[in-house]
N, C-alpha and C. Protein backbone atom coordinates (compact mmCIF):
# COMPACT_ATOMS: atom_id res chain seq x y z
N UNK A 1 163.24 74.43 59.97
CA UNK A 1 162.18 74.37 60.95
C UNK A 1 162.66 75.02 62.25
N UNK A 2 161.78 75.76 62.88
CA UNK A 2 162.10 76.38 64.15
C UNK A 2 162.16 75.34 65.26
N UNK A 3 163.11 75.52 66.14
CA UNK A 3 163.27 74.64 67.30
C UNK A 3 162.92 75.45 68.54
N UNK A 4 162.04 74.90 69.36
CA UNK A 4 161.65 75.52 70.62
C UNK A 4 162.44 74.85 71.75
N UNK A 5 163.34 75.59 72.38
CA UNK A 5 164.08 75.10 73.54
C UNK A 5 163.45 75.68 74.78
N UNK A 6 163.20 74.80 75.76
CA UNK A 6 162.60 75.26 77.00
C UNK A 6 162.95 74.30 78.12
N UNK A 7 162.76 74.74 79.37
CA UNK A 7 162.99 73.83 80.49
C UNK A 7 162.05 72.62 80.40
N UNK A 8 162.56 71.48 80.80
CA UNK A 8 161.79 70.23 80.75
C UNK A 8 160.73 70.21 81.83
N UNK A 9 159.61 69.60 81.49
CA UNK A 9 158.49 69.41 82.40
C UNK A 9 158.24 67.92 82.58
N UNK A 10 157.61 67.51 83.67
CA UNK A 10 157.32 66.09 83.86
C UNK A 10 156.55 65.47 82.68
N UNK A 11 155.68 66.25 82.06
CA UNK A 11 154.91 65.70 80.94
C UNK A 11 155.72 65.50 79.67
N UNK A 12 156.98 65.95 79.64
CA UNK A 12 157.87 65.71 78.50
C UNK A 12 158.53 64.33 78.56
N UNK A 13 158.50 63.69 79.70
CA UNK A 13 159.35 62.52 79.92
C UNK A 13 158.97 61.32 79.06
N UNK A 14 157.72 61.10 78.77
CA UNK A 14 157.35 59.97 77.89
C UNK A 14 158.03 60.12 76.53
N UNK A 15 158.05 61.34 76.00
CA UNK A 15 158.72 61.58 74.72
C UNK A 15 160.23 61.41 74.86
N UNK A 16 160.79 61.76 76.02
CA UNK A 16 162.23 61.57 76.26
C UNK A 16 162.59 60.09 76.25
N UNK A 17 161.78 59.28 76.92
CA UNK A 17 162.03 57.83 76.95
C UNK A 17 161.97 57.26 75.54
N UNK A 18 160.99 57.68 74.78
CA UNK A 18 160.86 57.20 73.40
C UNK A 18 162.07 57.62 72.56
N UNK A 19 162.47 58.88 72.64
CA UNK A 19 163.60 59.38 71.87
C UNK A 19 164.89 58.65 72.22
N UNK A 20 165.07 58.32 73.48
CA UNK A 20 166.32 57.67 73.93
C UNK A 20 166.59 56.37 73.20
N UNK A 21 165.54 55.71 72.77
CA UNK A 21 165.70 54.47 72.02
C UNK A 21 165.94 54.68 70.54
N UNK A 22 165.92 55.93 70.08
CA UNK A 22 166.06 56.20 68.65
C UNK A 22 167.27 57.06 68.31
N UNK A 23 168.22 57.17 69.23
CA UNK A 23 169.44 57.94 68.96
C UNK A 23 170.38 57.13 68.08
N UNK A 24 171.32 57.81 67.45
CA UNK A 24 172.26 57.13 66.55
C UNK A 24 173.25 56.26 67.34
N UNK A 25 173.82 56.80 68.38
CA UNK A 25 174.80 56.08 69.18
C UNK A 25 174.25 55.92 70.60
N UNK A 26 174.49 54.77 71.17
CA UNK A 26 174.09 54.52 72.56
C UNK A 26 172.58 54.59 72.77
N UNK A 27 171.83 54.11 71.78
CA UNK A 27 170.37 54.07 71.91
C UNK A 27 170.01 53.06 73.00
N UNK A 28 169.06 53.46 73.84
CA UNK A 28 168.60 52.57 74.90
C UNK A 28 167.08 52.51 74.82
N UNK A 29 166.53 51.36 74.40
CA UNK A 29 165.07 51.26 74.28
C UNK A 29 164.38 51.29 75.65
N UNK A 30 163.09 51.63 75.66
CA UNK A 30 162.36 51.73 76.93
C UNK A 30 162.47 50.49 77.82
N UNK A 31 162.50 49.31 77.23
CA UNK A 31 162.58 48.09 78.03
C UNK A 31 163.90 48.01 78.79
N UNK A 32 164.98 48.40 78.14
CA UNK A 32 166.29 48.38 78.80
C UNK A 32 166.37 49.47 79.87
N UNK A 33 165.81 50.65 79.56
CA UNK A 33 165.77 51.71 80.57
C UNK A 33 165.02 51.22 81.81
N UNK A 34 163.88 50.56 81.58
CA UNK A 34 163.08 50.06 82.70
C UNK A 34 163.88 49.07 83.53
N UNK A 35 164.68 48.21 82.86
CA UNK A 35 165.51 47.25 83.59
C UNK A 35 166.55 47.96 84.45
N UNK A 36 166.91 49.18 84.07
CA UNK A 36 167.85 50.00 84.84
C UNK A 36 167.13 50.83 85.90
N UNK A 37 165.81 50.69 85.96
CA UNK A 37 165.03 51.45 86.94
C UNK A 37 164.58 52.81 86.45
N UNK A 38 164.73 53.06 85.14
CA UNK A 38 164.36 54.35 84.56
C UNK A 38 163.07 54.17 83.78
N UNK A 39 162.00 54.69 84.34
CA UNK A 39 160.68 54.62 83.71
C UNK A 39 160.14 56.03 83.56
N UNK A 40 159.05 56.16 82.82
CA UNK A 40 158.42 57.47 82.72
C UNK A 40 158.05 57.97 84.11
N UNK A 41 157.51 57.08 84.94
CA UNK A 41 157.10 57.48 86.30
C UNK A 41 158.29 57.90 87.15
N UNK A 42 159.37 57.12 87.13
CA UNK A 42 160.52 57.47 87.99
C UNK A 42 161.19 58.75 87.52
N UNK A 43 161.38 58.88 86.20
CA UNK A 43 162.05 60.05 85.64
C UNK A 43 161.21 61.30 85.84
N UNK A 44 159.92 61.22 85.54
CA UNK A 44 159.08 62.41 85.71
C UNK A 44 158.98 62.78 87.19
N UNK A 45 159.02 61.79 88.08
CA UNK A 45 159.04 62.07 89.52
C UNK A 45 160.28 62.85 89.92
N UNK A 46 161.43 62.47 89.37
CA UNK A 46 162.67 63.18 89.68
C UNK A 46 162.60 64.63 89.19
N UNK A 47 161.98 64.84 88.04
CA UNK A 47 161.82 66.20 87.52
C UNK A 47 160.85 66.98 88.42
N UNK A 48 159.74 66.35 88.78
CA UNK A 48 158.75 67.01 89.64
C UNK A 48 159.34 67.42 90.98
N UNK A 49 160.18 66.56 91.55
CA UNK A 49 160.79 66.84 92.85
C UNK A 49 161.99 67.77 92.75
N UNK A 50 162.42 68.13 91.55
CA UNK A 50 163.56 69.02 91.38
C UNK A 50 164.90 68.33 91.51
N UNK A 51 164.91 67.00 91.47
CA UNK A 51 166.17 66.25 91.57
C UNK A 51 166.92 66.28 90.24
N UNK A 52 166.20 66.25 89.15
CA UNK A 52 166.76 66.36 87.81
C UNK A 52 166.24 67.63 87.18
N UNK A 53 167.13 68.34 86.50
CA UNK A 53 166.72 69.50 85.71
C UNK A 53 167.12 69.23 84.28
N UNK A 54 166.41 69.83 83.38
CA UNK A 54 166.75 69.60 81.99
C UNK A 54 166.12 70.61 81.06
N UNK A 55 166.51 70.46 79.82
CA UNK A 55 165.96 71.27 78.73
C UNK A 55 165.57 70.33 77.61
N UNK A 56 164.47 70.67 76.95
CA UNK A 56 163.98 69.89 75.82
C UNK A 56 163.94 70.78 74.59
N UNK A 57 164.07 70.14 73.44
CA UNK A 57 163.99 70.84 72.16
C UNK A 57 162.88 70.20 71.34
N UNK A 58 161.93 70.99 70.94
CA UNK A 58 160.81 70.51 70.14
C UNK A 58 160.85 71.18 68.77
N UNK A 59 160.66 70.40 67.74
CA UNK A 59 160.50 70.89 66.36
C UNK A 59 159.05 70.60 65.99
N UNK A 60 158.20 71.54 66.24
CA UNK A 60 156.77 71.30 66.06
C UNK A 60 156.30 70.29 67.08
N UNK A 61 155.73 69.20 66.60
CA UNK A 61 155.23 68.13 67.48
C UNK A 61 156.26 67.04 67.75
N UNK A 62 157.48 67.22 67.24
CA UNK A 62 158.54 66.21 67.36
C UNK A 62 159.58 66.66 68.38
N UNK A 63 159.84 65.80 69.37
CA UNK A 63 160.93 66.10 70.28
C UNK A 63 162.23 65.82 69.54
N UNK A 64 163.06 66.85 69.41
CA UNK A 64 164.32 66.73 68.68
C UNK A 64 165.47 66.30 69.58
N UNK A 65 165.41 66.68 70.86
CA UNK A 65 166.48 66.33 71.77
C UNK A 65 166.24 66.86 73.16
N UNK A 66 167.16 66.50 74.06
CA UNK A 66 167.07 66.95 75.45
C UNK A 66 168.39 66.75 76.15
N UNK A 67 168.51 67.44 77.29
CA UNK A 67 169.67 67.28 78.18
C UNK A 67 169.16 67.38 79.61
N UNK A 68 169.65 66.47 80.49
CA UNK A 68 169.24 66.46 81.89
C UNK A 68 170.46 66.32 82.79
N UNK A 69 170.38 66.95 83.96
CA UNK A 69 171.45 66.88 84.94
C UNK A 69 170.93 66.63 86.33
N UNK A 70 171.78 66.06 87.17
CA UNK A 70 171.46 65.76 88.56
C UNK A 70 171.79 66.97 89.43
N UNK A 71 170.76 67.55 90.03
CA UNK A 71 170.92 68.75 90.84
C UNK A 71 171.83 68.51 92.04
N UNK A 72 171.76 67.32 92.62
CA UNK A 72 172.55 67.03 93.82
C UNK A 72 174.03 66.84 93.56
N UNK A 73 174.37 66.23 92.43
CA UNK A 73 175.77 65.88 92.19
C UNK A 73 176.48 66.74 91.15
N UNK A 74 175.74 67.36 90.26
CA UNK A 74 176.36 68.10 89.16
C UNK A 74 176.67 67.22 87.97
N UNK A 75 176.12 66.02 87.94
CA UNK A 75 176.35 65.12 86.81
C UNK A 75 175.41 65.46 85.66
N UNK A 76 175.96 65.54 84.46
CA UNK A 76 175.14 65.59 83.25
C UNK A 76 174.76 64.15 82.97
N UNK A 77 173.49 63.85 83.20
CA UNK A 77 173.02 62.47 83.15
C UNK A 77 172.82 61.99 81.73
N UNK A 78 172.26 62.85 80.87
CA UNK A 78 171.99 62.43 79.49
C UNK A 78 171.85 63.65 78.59
N UNK A 79 172.37 63.50 77.39
CA UNK A 79 172.15 64.42 76.28
C UNK A 79 171.81 63.54 75.10
N UNK A 80 170.65 63.73 74.51
CA UNK A 80 170.20 62.86 73.42
C UNK A 80 169.54 63.69 72.33
N UNK A 81 169.82 63.32 71.08
CA UNK A 81 169.22 63.97 69.92
C UNK A 81 168.76 62.92 68.94
N UNK A 82 167.69 63.21 68.23
CA UNK A 82 167.33 62.38 67.09
C UNK A 82 168.38 62.61 66.00
N UNK A 83 168.73 61.57 65.26
CA UNK A 83 169.77 61.72 64.22
C UNK A 83 169.49 62.85 63.23
N UNK A 84 168.25 63.10 62.88
CA UNK A 84 167.92 64.14 61.91
C UNK A 84 168.29 65.54 62.40
N UNK A 85 168.54 65.69 63.70
CA UNK A 85 168.85 67.00 64.27
C UNK A 85 170.31 67.15 64.67
N UNK A 86 171.12 66.16 64.37
CA UNK A 86 172.55 66.24 64.67
C UNK A 86 173.23 67.22 63.71
N UNK A 87 174.35 67.78 64.14
CA UNK A 87 175.16 68.63 63.28
C UNK A 87 174.61 70.03 63.07
N UNK A 88 173.64 70.43 63.87
CA UNK A 88 173.03 71.75 63.73
C UNK A 88 173.30 72.67 64.92
N UNK A 89 174.10 72.19 65.87
CA UNK A 89 174.40 72.99 67.06
C UNK A 89 173.39 72.83 68.17
N UNK A 90 172.39 71.97 67.97
CA UNK A 90 171.34 71.80 68.97
C UNK A 90 171.87 71.12 70.23
N UNK A 91 172.69 70.09 70.09
CA UNK A 91 173.25 69.43 71.26
C UNK A 91 174.08 70.39 72.09
N UNK A 92 174.86 71.21 71.43
CA UNK A 92 175.68 72.22 72.13
C UNK A 92 174.79 73.19 72.88
N UNK A 93 173.73 73.67 72.24
CA UNK A 93 172.82 74.62 72.89
C UNK A 93 172.15 74.00 74.11
N UNK A 94 171.69 72.77 73.98
CA UNK A 94 171.06 72.09 75.12
C UNK A 94 172.06 71.92 76.26
N UNK A 95 173.27 71.47 75.93
CA UNK A 95 174.28 71.24 76.96
C UNK A 95 174.66 72.54 77.66
N UNK A 96 174.86 73.61 76.91
CA UNK A 96 175.27 74.88 77.52
C UNK A 96 174.18 75.42 78.44
N UNK A 97 172.92 75.23 78.09
CA UNK A 97 171.83 75.66 78.98
C UNK A 97 171.85 74.84 80.27
N UNK A 98 172.06 73.54 80.13
CA UNK A 98 172.10 72.69 81.31
C UNK A 98 173.30 73.05 82.20
N UNK A 99 174.44 73.26 81.59
CA UNK A 99 175.64 73.65 82.35
C UNK A 99 175.36 74.94 83.12
N UNK A 100 174.74 75.91 82.48
CA UNK A 100 174.42 77.17 83.16
C UNK A 100 173.49 76.94 84.34
N UNK A 101 172.50 76.06 84.17
CA UNK A 101 171.57 75.76 85.27
C UNK A 101 172.29 75.09 86.43
N UNK A 102 173.15 74.13 86.14
CA UNK A 102 173.87 73.44 87.22
C UNK A 102 174.84 74.38 87.92
N UNK A 103 175.50 75.25 87.17
CA UNK A 103 176.39 76.24 87.76
C UNK A 103 175.59 77.19 88.66
N UNK A 104 174.41 77.60 88.22
CA UNK A 104 173.57 78.51 89.00
C UNK A 104 173.13 77.86 90.31
N UNK A 105 173.16 76.54 90.37
CA UNK A 105 172.81 75.83 91.60
C UNK A 105 174.04 75.53 92.46
N UNK A 106 175.17 76.15 92.10
CA UNK A 106 176.35 76.08 92.95
C UNK A 106 177.39 75.05 92.58
N UNK A 107 177.20 74.31 91.51
CA UNK A 107 178.19 73.29 91.14
C UNK A 107 179.36 73.93 90.40
N UNK A 108 180.53 73.73 90.97
CA UNK A 108 181.75 74.21 90.32
C UNK A 108 182.27 73.18 89.34
N UNK A 109 182.30 71.94 89.77
CA UNK A 109 182.78 70.84 88.92
C UNK A 109 181.57 70.06 88.42
N UNK A 110 181.48 69.92 87.11
CA UNK A 110 180.43 69.11 86.50
C UNK A 110 181.10 67.88 85.89
N UNK A 111 180.35 66.79 85.78
CA UNK A 111 180.93 65.58 85.21
C UNK A 111 179.87 64.79 84.45
N UNK A 112 180.35 63.86 83.63
CA UNK A 112 179.48 63.00 82.84
C UNK A 112 180.24 61.76 82.42
N UNK A 113 179.51 60.75 82.00
CA UNK A 113 180.11 59.54 81.45
C UNK A 113 180.02 59.58 79.94
N UNK A 114 181.10 59.18 79.28
CA UNK A 114 181.17 59.23 77.82
C UNK A 114 181.96 58.02 77.32
N UNK A 115 181.51 57.44 76.23
CA UNK A 115 182.26 56.34 75.64
C UNK A 115 183.68 56.76 75.32
N UNK A 116 184.63 55.87 75.53
CA UNK A 116 186.05 56.22 75.33
C UNK A 116 186.53 56.00 73.90
N UNK A 117 185.70 55.47 73.02
CA UNK A 117 186.07 55.21 71.64
C UNK A 117 186.10 56.52 70.85
N UNK A 118 187.27 56.92 70.33
CA UNK A 118 187.36 58.17 69.57
C UNK A 118 186.47 58.20 68.33
N UNK A 119 185.99 57.05 67.87
CA UNK A 119 185.11 57.02 66.71
C UNK A 119 183.68 57.49 67.05
N UNK A 120 183.35 57.54 68.32
CA UNK A 120 182.02 58.00 68.73
C UNK A 120 181.93 59.52 68.59
N UNK A 121 180.78 59.99 68.13
CA UNK A 121 180.57 61.44 67.98
C UNK A 121 180.74 62.16 69.32
N UNK A 122 180.25 61.55 70.40
CA UNK A 122 180.31 62.20 71.71
C UNK A 122 181.75 62.40 72.20
N UNK A 123 182.65 61.53 71.78
CA UNK A 123 184.04 61.61 72.23
C UNK A 123 184.63 62.99 71.91
N UNK A 124 184.53 63.41 70.68
CA UNK A 124 185.07 64.70 70.29
C UNK A 124 184.18 65.87 70.68
N UNK A 125 182.88 65.64 70.69
CA UNK A 125 181.91 66.69 71.00
C UNK A 125 182.21 67.33 72.36
N UNK A 126 182.28 66.52 73.39
CA UNK A 126 182.49 67.06 74.74
C UNK A 126 183.87 67.69 74.88
N UNK A 127 184.87 67.09 74.30
CA UNK A 127 186.22 67.63 74.41
C UNK A 127 186.32 69.00 73.73
N UNK A 128 185.65 69.17 72.59
CA UNK A 128 185.66 70.48 71.92
C UNK A 128 185.00 71.56 72.78
N UNK A 129 184.13 71.14 73.69
CA UNK A 129 183.44 72.10 74.55
C UNK A 129 184.12 72.27 75.91
N UNK A 130 185.34 71.73 76.06
CA UNK A 130 186.12 71.97 77.27
C UNK A 130 186.10 70.88 78.32
N UNK A 131 185.38 69.77 78.06
CA UNK A 131 185.34 68.66 79.01
C UNK A 131 186.64 67.87 78.92
N UNK A 132 187.17 67.43 80.06
CA UNK A 132 188.45 66.72 80.12
C UNK A 132 188.32 65.41 80.87
N UNK A 133 189.06 64.38 80.42
CA UNK A 133 189.03 63.08 81.12
C UNK A 133 189.59 63.20 82.54
N UNK A 134 189.00 62.44 83.45
CA UNK A 134 189.47 62.43 84.84
C UNK A 134 190.37 61.23 85.12
N UNK A 135 190.39 60.25 84.21
CA UNK A 135 191.13 59.02 84.45
C UNK A 135 190.28 57.96 85.14
N UNK A 136 189.03 58.28 85.43
CA UNK A 136 188.13 57.32 86.08
C UNK A 136 187.06 56.86 85.10
N UNK A 137 186.40 55.77 85.45
CA UNK A 137 185.25 55.28 84.69
C UNK A 137 184.04 55.26 85.63
N UNK A 138 182.85 55.34 85.02
CA UNK A 138 181.64 55.31 85.83
C UNK A 138 181.13 53.88 85.97
N UNK A 139 179.99 53.71 86.61
CA UNK A 139 179.45 52.38 86.90
C UNK A 139 179.05 51.61 85.64
N UNK A 140 178.95 52.29 84.50
CA UNK A 140 178.61 51.64 83.24
C UNK A 140 179.86 51.36 82.39
N UNK A 141 181.03 51.70 82.92
CA UNK A 141 182.28 51.49 82.19
C UNK A 141 182.63 52.62 81.25
N UNK A 142 181.88 53.71 81.31
CA UNK A 142 182.18 54.87 80.46
C UNK A 142 183.25 55.73 81.10
N UNK A 143 183.99 56.42 80.27
CA UNK A 143 185.02 57.34 80.73
C UNK A 143 184.36 58.55 81.39
N UNK A 144 184.88 58.95 82.55
CA UNK A 144 184.35 60.14 83.21
C UNK A 144 185.07 61.37 82.67
N UNK A 145 184.29 62.36 82.27
CA UNK A 145 184.81 63.66 81.84
C UNK A 145 184.32 64.70 82.83
N UNK A 146 185.09 65.76 83.00
CA UNK A 146 184.67 66.84 83.90
C UNK A 146 184.83 68.18 83.21
N UNK A 147 184.04 69.11 83.68
CA UNK A 147 184.13 70.50 83.24
C UNK A 147 184.37 71.33 84.49
N UNK A 148 185.51 71.97 84.53
CA UNK A 148 185.88 72.77 85.69
C UNK A 148 185.48 74.22 85.46
N UNK A 149 185.40 75.01 86.52
CA UNK A 149 184.93 76.39 86.41
C UNK A 149 185.72 77.26 85.46
N UNK A 150 187.01 76.99 85.31
CA UNK A 150 187.83 77.84 84.45
C UNK A 150 187.79 77.41 82.99
N UNK A 151 187.06 76.34 82.68
CA UNK A 151 186.95 75.89 81.29
C UNK A 151 186.12 76.88 80.50
N UNK A 152 186.58 77.17 79.31
CA UNK A 152 185.83 78.06 78.45
C UNK A 152 185.35 77.29 77.24
N UNK A 153 184.07 77.29 77.04
CA UNK A 153 183.49 76.59 75.90
C UNK A 153 183.52 77.51 74.69
N UNK A 154 183.80 76.94 73.54
CA UNK A 154 183.82 77.78 72.31
C UNK A 154 182.44 78.31 71.98
């Protein structure tokens, strides 16, 4: 099936919230997101105001995945895929597009939070793409990884 990758729009956010609860690892249902202050209204507002940028991947009428970053800080806030679309290079494509967008906005150092358990898919995924641990943890207890300007992604 063809995958359509494009910049995220505010009207994509309801599907993003739904997908976030259906990921294989670190699924967060809409109710828990809301408890964290993340709602369709708040997230789409951030996209509308240009505070968050992202890319979405659609397979026909199904959102397959997305990646979003914070324009102000250079943080990769979320990368999420439906399990049926894992292992096809889609996560890498979404992340590389987001990295390019954040770099184009002047960010030299990018960072993200990632589970520190080597058994998690994300643990090896980011490291294979040049992300390195900083030795710090974020507010959720996740390991902070960074991508510096001289990092080369495979």
